[in-house]
C-alpha atoms as a PDB file:
ATOM      1  CA  UNK A   1       0.216   0.103   0.048  1.00  0.00           C
ATOM      2  CA  UNK A   2       1.285   3.613  -0.421  1.00  0.00           C
ATOM      3  CA  UNK A   3       0.673   6.325   1.726  1.00  0.00           C
ATOM      4  CA  UNK A   4       1.485   9.894   1.884  1.00  0.00           C
ATOM      5  CA  UNK A   5      -0.002  12.845   4.308  1.00  0.00           C
ATOM      6  CA  UNK A   6      -1.710  15.922   3.802  1.00  0.00           C
ATOM      7  CA  UNK A   7      -3.251  18.744   5.839  1.00  0.00           C
ATOM      8  CA  UNK A   8      -6.774  19.616   5.752  1.00  0.00           C
ATOM      9  CA  UNK A   9      -8.400  21.743   7.825  1.00  0.00           C
ATOM     10  CA  UNK A  10     -12.259  22.150   8.750  1.00  0.00           C
ATOM     11  CA  UNK A  11     -14.605  25.153   9.594  1.00  0.00           C
ATOM     12  CA  UNK A  12     -17.777  24.828  11.886  1.00  0.00           C
ATOM     13  CA  UNK A  13     -17.974  25.345  15.491  1.00  0.00           C
ATOM     14  CA  UNK A  14     -17.238  28.166  18.007  1.00  0.00           C
ATOM     15  CA  UNK A  15     -16.218  27.932  21.602  1.00  0.00           C
ATOM     16  CA  UNK A  16     -12.715  25.743  23.529  1.00  0.00           C
ATOM     17  CA  UNK A  17     -12.010  22.525  23.884  1.00  0.00           C
ATOM     18  CA  UNK A  18      -9.162  20.379  25.295  1.00  0.00           C
ATOM     19  CA  UNK A  19      -7.466  17.773  23.612  1.00  0.00           C
ATOM     20  CA  UNK A  20      -4.312  16.468  22.424  1.00  0.00           C
ATOM     21  CA  UNK A  21      -2.225  16.925  19.419  1.00  0.00           C
ATOM     22  CA  UNK A  22      -1.800  14.004  16.316  1.00  0.00           C
ATOM     23  CA  UNK A  23      -0.200  14.104  13.511  1.00  0.00           C
ATOM     24  CA  UNK A  24      -0.858  12.705  10.092  1.00  0.00           C
ATOM     25  CA  UNK A  25      -2.679  10.153   8.616  1.00  0.00           C
ATOM     26  CA  UNK A  26      -1.039   6.766   9.140  1.00  0.00           C
ATOM     27  CA  UNK A  27      -2.403   4.779   6.716  1.00  0.00           C
ATOM     28  CA  UNK A  28      -5.881   2.275   6.309  1.00  0.00           C
ATOM     29  CA  UNK A  29      -7.904   0.555   8.779  1.00  0.00           C
ATOM     30  CA  UNK A  30     -10.001  -2.065   8.143  1.00  0.00           C
ATOM     31  CA  UNK A  31     -13.393  -1.603  10.899  1.00  0.00           C
ATOM     32  CA  UNK A  32     -16.211  -0.422   9.353  1.00  0.00           C
ATOM     33  CA  UNK A  33     -19.102   1.466  10.556  1.00  0.00           C
ATOM     34  CA  UNK A  34     -22.680   2.922   9.319  1.00  0.00           C
ATOM     35  CA  UNK A  35     -23.913   5.857   8.043  1.00  0.00           C
ATOM     36  CA  UNK A  36     -26.742   8.000   7.333  1.00  0.00           C
ATOM     37  CA  UNK A  37     -26.546   8.313   3.069  1.00  0.00           C
ATOM     38  CA  UNK A  38     -28.215  11.951   2.762  1.00  0.00           C
ATOM     39  CA  UNK A  39     -28.530  12.159  -1.235  1.00  0.00           C
ATOM     40  CA  UNK A  40     -26.645  11.574  -4.396  1.00  0.00           C
ATOM     41  CA  UNK A  41     -25.141  13.561  -6.380  1.00  0.00           C
ATOM     42  CA  UNK A  42     -24.246  13.464  -9.934  1.00  0.00           C
ATOM     43  CA  UNK A  43     -21.123  11.632 -10.750  1.00  0.00           C
ATOM     44  CA  UNK A  44     -18.353  13.701 -12.156  1.00  0.00           C
ATOM     45  CA  UNK A  45     -15.877  11.203 -14.438  1.00  0.00           C
ATOM     46  CA  UNK A  46     -13.489  14.199 -14.130  1.00  0.00           C
ATOM     47  CA  UNK A  47     -10.333  15.136 -16.593  1.00  0.00           C
ATOM     48  CA  UNK A  48      -8.345  12.587 -17.462  1.00  0.00           C
ATOM     49  CA  UNK A  49     -10.368   9.355 -17.398  1.00  0.00           C
ATOM     50  CA  UNK A  50     -10.454   6.882 -19.997  1.00  0.00           C
ATOM     51  CA  UNK A  51     -10.801   3.332 -20.940  1.00  0.00           C
ATOM     52  CA  UNK A  52      -8.145   2.175 -18.436  1.00  0.00           C
ATOM     53  CA  UNK A  53     -10.754   3.530 -14.943  1.00  0.00           C
ATOM     54  CA  UNK A  54     -10.203   1.026 -12.013  1.00  0.00           C
ATOM     55  CA  UNK A  55     -12.742   0.219  -9.698  1.00  0.00           C
ATOM     56  CA  UNK A  56     -12.669   1.866  -6.270  1.00  0.00           C
ATOM     57  CA  UNK A  57     -13.975   1.686  -3.252  1.00  0.00           C
ATOM     58  CA  UNK A  58     -13.699   5.466  -1.547  1.00  0.00           C
ATOM     59  CA  UNK A  59     -13.957   4.963   2.105  1.00  0.00           C
ATOM     60  CA  UNK A  60     -13.359   7.784   4.871  1.00  0.00           C
ATOM     61  CA  UNK A  61     -11.562   6.527   8.094  1.00  0.00           C
ATOM     62  CA  UNK A  62     -10.315   7.653  11.515  1.00  0.00           C
ATOM     63  CA  UNK A  63      -6.145   6.730  12.923  1.00  0.00           C
ATOM     64  CA  UNK A  64      -5.596   4.357  15.264  1.00  0.00           C
ATOM     65  CA  UNK A  65      -3.375   6.225  17.204  1.00  0.00           C
ATOM     66  CA  UNK A  66      -3.247   9.911  18.678  1.00  0.00           C
ATOM     67  CA  UNK A  67      -6.791  10.463  16.233  1.00  0.00           C
ATOM     68  CA  UNK A  68      -8.046  12.427  19.249  1.00  0.00           C
ATOM     69  CA  UNK A  69     -11.542  11.501  18.617  1.00  0.00           C
ATOM     70  CA  UNK A  70     -11.901  10.364  21.750  1.00  0.00           C
ATOM     71  CA  UNK A  71     -11.533  14.334  23.233  1.00  0.00           C
ATOM     72  CA  UNK A  72     -15.369  14.578  21.754  1.00  0.00           C
ATOM     73  CA  UNK A  73     -18.757  13.462  22.597  1.00  0.00           C
ATOM     74  CA  UNK A  74     -20.217  14.011  19.013  1.00  0.00           C
ATOM     75  CA  UNK A  75     -18.479  15.284  15.845  1.00  0.00           C
ATOM     76  CA  UNK A  76     -21.303  15.483  12.852  1.00  0.00           C
ATOM     77  CA  UNK A  77     -19.848  15.641   9.467  1.00  0.00           C
ATOM     78  CA  UNK A  78     -20.871  15.566   5.854  1.00  0.00           C
ATOM     79  CA  UNK A  79     -18.697  13.924   3.159  1.00  0.00           C
ATOM     80  CA  UNK A  80     -18.997  15.830  -0.094  1.00  0.00           C
ATOM     81  CA  UNK A  81     -15.952  14.966  -2.295  1.00  0.00           C
ATOM     82  CA  UNK A  82     -12.728  14.262  -2.323  1.00  0.00           C
ATOM     83  CA  UNK A  83     -10.799  15.417  -5.316  1.00  0.00           C
ATOM     84  CA  UNK A  84      -7.763  13.800  -6.567  1.00  0.00           C
ATOM     85  CA  UNK A  85      -4.866  15.949  -8.546  1.00  0.00           C
ATOM     86  CA  UNK A  86      -2.830  13.255 -11.300  1.00  0.00           C
ATOM     87  CA  UNK A  87       0.790  14.193 -11.732  1.00  0.00           C
ATOM     88  CA  UNK A  88       0.101  15.604 -14.871  1.00  0.00           C
ATOM     89  CA  UNK A  89      -2.167  18.165 -13.256  1.00  0.00           C
ATOM     90  CA  UNK A  90      -5.990  16.610 -14.650  1.00  0.00           C
ATOM     91  CA  UNK A  91      -8.043  16.527 -11.807  1.00  0.00           C
ATOM     92  CA  UNK A  92     -10.716  13.822 -11.116  1.00  0.00           C
ATOM     93  CA  UNK A  93     -13.579  14.356  -8.849  1.00  0.00           C
ATOM     94  CA  UNK A  94     -15.209  11.622  -6.972  1.00  0.00           C
ATOM     95  CA  UNK A  95     -18.816  12.664  -5.375  1.00  0.00           C
ATOM     96  CA  UNK A  96     -21.111   9.643  -6.416  1.00  0.00           C
ATOM     97  CA  UNK A  97     -23.082  10.429  -3.336  1.00  0.00           C
ATOM     98  CA  UNK A  98     -22.751  12.850  -0.320  1.00  0.00           C
ATOM     99  CA  UNK A  99     -22.658  10.861   3.482  1.00  0.00           C
ATOM    100  CA  UNK A 100     -23.460  12.157   7.324  1.00  0.00           C
ATOM    101  CA  UNK A 101     -20.770  10.617   9.243  1.00  0.00           C
ATOM    102  CA  UNK A 102     -20.298  11.095  12.681  1.00  0.00           C
ATOM    103  CA  UNK A 103     -16.759  10.576  13.355  1.00  0.00           C
ATOM    104  CA  UNK A 104     -16.893   9.449  16.885  1.00  0.00           C
ATOM    105  CA  UNK A 105     -19.314   6.424  15.481  1.00  0.00           C
ATOM    106  CA  UNK A 106     -16.607   5.428  13.748  1.00  0.00           C
ATOM    107  CA  UNK A 107     -14.046   5.582  16.199  1.00  0.00           C
ATOM    108  CA  UNK A 108     -10.085   5.254  15.935  1.00  0.00           C
ATOM    109  CA  UNK A 109      -9.455   2.824  13.900  1.00  0.00           C
ATOM    110  CA  UNK A 110     -12.476   2.413  12.347  1.00  0.00           C
ATOM    111  CA  UNK A 111     -13.395   3.532   8.405  1.00  0.00           C
ATOM    112  CA  UNK A 112     -16.604   3.232   6.914  1.00  0.00           C
ATOM    113  CA  UNK A 113     -16.992   3.151   2.824  1.00  0.00           C
ATOM    114  CA  UNK A 114     -18.682   5.656   0.758  1.00  0.00           C
ATOM    115  CA  UNK A 115     -19.238   4.243  -2.540  1.00  0.00           C
ATOM    116  CA  UNK A 116     -17.973   2.751  -5.646  1.00  0.00           C
ATOM    117  CA  UNK A 117     -16.577   4.671  -8.282  1.00  0.00           C
ATOM    118  CA  UNK A 118     -14.383   4.383 -11.544  1.00  0.00           C
ATOM    119  CA  UNK A 119     -10.564   5.869 -11.036  1.00  0.00           C
ATOM    120  CA  UNK A 120      -8.251   6.648 -13.928  1.00  0.00           C
ATOM    121  CA  UNK A 121      -5.036   4.477 -13.300  1.00  0.00           C
ATOM    122  CA  UNK A 122      -2.481   6.781 -12.560  1.00  0.00           C
ATOM    123  CA  UNK A 123      -0.242   8.897  -9.912  1.00  0.00           C
ATOM    124  CA  UNK A 124      -1.813  11.506  -8.094  1.00  0.00           C
ATOM    125  CA  UNK A 125      -0.192  13.962  -5.764  1.00  0.00           C
ATOM    126  CA  UNK A 126      -2.446  16.102  -4.353  1.00  0.00           C
ATOM    127  CA  UNK A 127      -6.224  15.662  -2.983  1.00  0.00           C
ATOM    128  CA  UNK A 128      -8.868  18.310  -1.510  1.00  0.00           C
ATOM    129  CA  UNK A 129     -11.548  16.900   0.975  1.00  0.00           C
ATOM    130  CA  UNK A 130     -14.618  18.291   1.142  1.00  0.00           C
ATOM    131  CA  UNK A 131     -15.830  17.279   4.505  1.00  0.00           C
ATOM    132  CA  UNK A 132     -17.262  20.348   6.530  1.00  0.00           C
ATOM    133  CA  UNK A 133     -18.181  20.141  10.306  1.00  0.00           C
ATOM    134  CA  UNK A 134     -22.040  20.236  10.974  1.00  0.00           C
ATOM    135  CA  UNK A 135     -21.614  19.918  14.737  1.00  0.00           C
ATOM    136  CA  UNK A 136     -19.273  18.979  17.362  1.00  0.00           C
ATOM    137  CA  UNK A 137     -19.317  18.521  21.008  1.00  0.00           C
ATOM    138  CA  UNK A 138     -16.760  17.806  23.520  1.00  0.00           C
ATOM    139  CA  UNK A 139     -15.922  15.307  25.273  1.00  0.00           C
ATOM    140  CA  UNK A 140     -16.266  17.435  28.608  1.00  0.00           C
ATOM    141  CA  UNK A 141     -19.561  19.091  27.154  1.00  0.00           C
ATOM    142  CA  UNK A 142     -17.828  21.604  25.430  1.00  0.00           C
ATOM    143  CA  UNK A 143     -18.243  23.774  22.245  1.00  0.00           C
ATOM    144  CA  UNK A 144     -14.721  23.341  20.135  1.00  0.00           C
ATOM    145  CA  UNK A 145     -13.539  25.825  17.794  1.00  0.00           C
ATOM    146  CA  UNK A 146     -12.298  24.890  14.244  1.00  0.00           C
ATOM    147  CA  UNK A 147      -9.902  27.091  11.771  1.00  0.00           C
ATOM    148  CA  UNK A 148      -9.176  26.922   8.098  1.00  0.00           C
ATOM    149  CA  UNK A 149     -11.666  26.360   6.072  1.00  0.00           C
ATOM    150  CA  UNK A 150     -12.746  23.692   4.006  1.00  0.00           C
ATOM    151  CA  UNK A 151     -11.343  22.519   1.388  1.00  0.00           C
ATOM    152  CA  UNK A 152      -7.962  22.680   1.679  1.00  0.00           C
ATOM    153  CA  UNK A 153      -4.703  21.006   0.267  1.00  0.00           C
ATOM    154  CA  UNK A 154      -1.445  20.810  -0.557  1.00  0.00           C
ATOM    155  CA  UNK A 155       1.253  19.333  -2.257  1.00  0.00           C
ATOM    156  CA  UNK A 156       2.062  15.412  -1.240  1.00  0.00           C
ATOM    157  CA  UNK A 157       5.751  15.383  -0.170  1.00  0.00           C
ATOM    158  CA  UNK A 158       7.587  11.893  -1.267  1.00  0.00           C
ATOM    159  CA  UNK A 159       5.813   9.296  -3.344  1.00  0.00           C
ATOM    160  CA  UNK A 160       2.027   9.667  -4.354  1.00  0.00           C
ATOM    161  CA  UNK A 161      -0.572   7.258  -4.337  1.00  0.00           C
ATOM    162  CA  UNK A 162      -0.288   4.902  -7.458  1.00  0.00           C
ATOM    163  CA  UNK A 163      -4.101   3.662  -8.922  1.00  0.00           C
ATOM    164  CA  UNK A 164      -2.861   0.333 -11.160  1.00  0.00           C
ATOM    165  CA  UNK A 165      -4.680  -0.475 -13.975  1.00  0.00           C
ATOM    166  CA  UNK A 166      -6.533  -4.183 -13.756  1.00  0.00           C
ATOM    167  CA  UNK A 167      -8.573  -5.497 -10.375  1.00  0.00           C
ATOM    168  CA  UNK A 168     -10.056  -3.229  -7.831  1.00  0.00           C
ATOM    169  CA  UNK A 169      -8.695  -0.630  -5.046  1.00  0.00           C
ATOM    170  CA  UNK A 170      -9.761   0.910  -1.969  1.00  0.00           C
ATOM    171  CA  UNK A 171      -8.881   4.860  -1.521  1.00  0.00           C
ATOM    172  CA  UNK A 172      -9.081   5.649   1.421  1.00  0.00           C
ATOM    173  CA  UNK A 173      -8.358   9.139   3.393  1.00  0.00           C
ATOM    174  CA  UNK A 174      -7.942   8.920   6.986  1.00  0.00           C
ATOM    175  CA  UNK A 175      -8.368  11.787   9.393  1.00  0.00           C
ATOM    176  CA  UNK A 176      -6.850  12.893  12.734  1.00  0.00           C
ATOM    177  CA  UNK A 177      -8.172  15.602  15.181  1.00  0.00           C
ATOM    178  CA  UNK A 178      -5.347  18.124  16.162  1.00  0.00           C
ATOM    179  CA  UNK A 179      -5.297  21.490  18.357  1.00  0.00           C
ATOM    180  CA  UNK A 180      -3.506  24.291  16.261  1.00  0.00           C
ATOM    181  CA  UNK A 181      -0.405  24.936  18.482  1.00  0.00           C
ATOM    182  CA  UNK A 182      -1.437  22.330  21.040  1.00  0.00           C
ATOM    183  CA  UNK A 183      -3.570  24.393  22.402  1.00  0.00           C
ATOM    184  CA  UNK A 184      -5.491  26.606  20.147  1.00  0.00           C
ATOM    185  CA  UNK A 185      -8.139  25.996  17.708  1.00  0.00           C
ATOM    186  CA  UNK A 186      -9.281  22.319  16.469  1.00  0.00           C
ATOM    187  CA  UNK A 187      -8.510  21.060  12.997  1.00  0.00           C
ATOM    188  CA  UNK A 188      -7.651  17.600  11.173  1.00  0.00           C
ATOM    189  CA  UNK A 189      -4.740  16.160   9.256  1.00  0.00           C
ATOM    190  CA  UNK A 190      -5.413  13.714   6.773  1.00  0.00           C
ATOM    191  CA  UNK A 191      -3.625  10.811   5.295  1.00  0.00           C
ATOM    192  CA  UNK A 192      -4.360   8.695   2.408  1.00  0.00           C
ATOM    193  CA  UNK A 193      -3.532   5.021   0.968  1.00  0.00           C
ATOM    194  CA  UNK A 194      -4.423   2.885  -1.963  1.00  0.00           C
ATOM    195  CA  UNK A 195      -4.914  -0.888  -1.334  1.00  0.00           C
END
């Protein structure tokens, strides 16, 4: 499995909160949980799609260690889309469905399958995750503050993820919750992997 990390921010709630630091995502996990399908979006093939498309399961997970998900009583998000930028600059938008996901129900090390999509084979160097925070409550009942608006992206340093022709793959984005500067507003980091 190829993995790489990239930072992403979220926006939504205000107030103050407690919690520790985590790092970038560390790969995929195998546990699953259910989520509520909200609505079906029109599939977007994106640029660069072609006959070498690969059947992919797209999933969202919570990092297994130092995810800080236990710092929250609830953390309601809505998966809206994942955009992958290929090494040639073309973009593939994966938004076959939107789905409400409570990251505290997914839990540390858990993941939820979102949908199946066709993804062009190739190397992907950048991603944008559209995952707005709808509501959140800290474990102590506090109202957390979030910073950095969605979507956010940056070029992945190191090896890109690679989707190879033939068979099928799972593309997983893995989030971990962190506080800016250790005691500031909450945000999240994102890891990604293919297997």
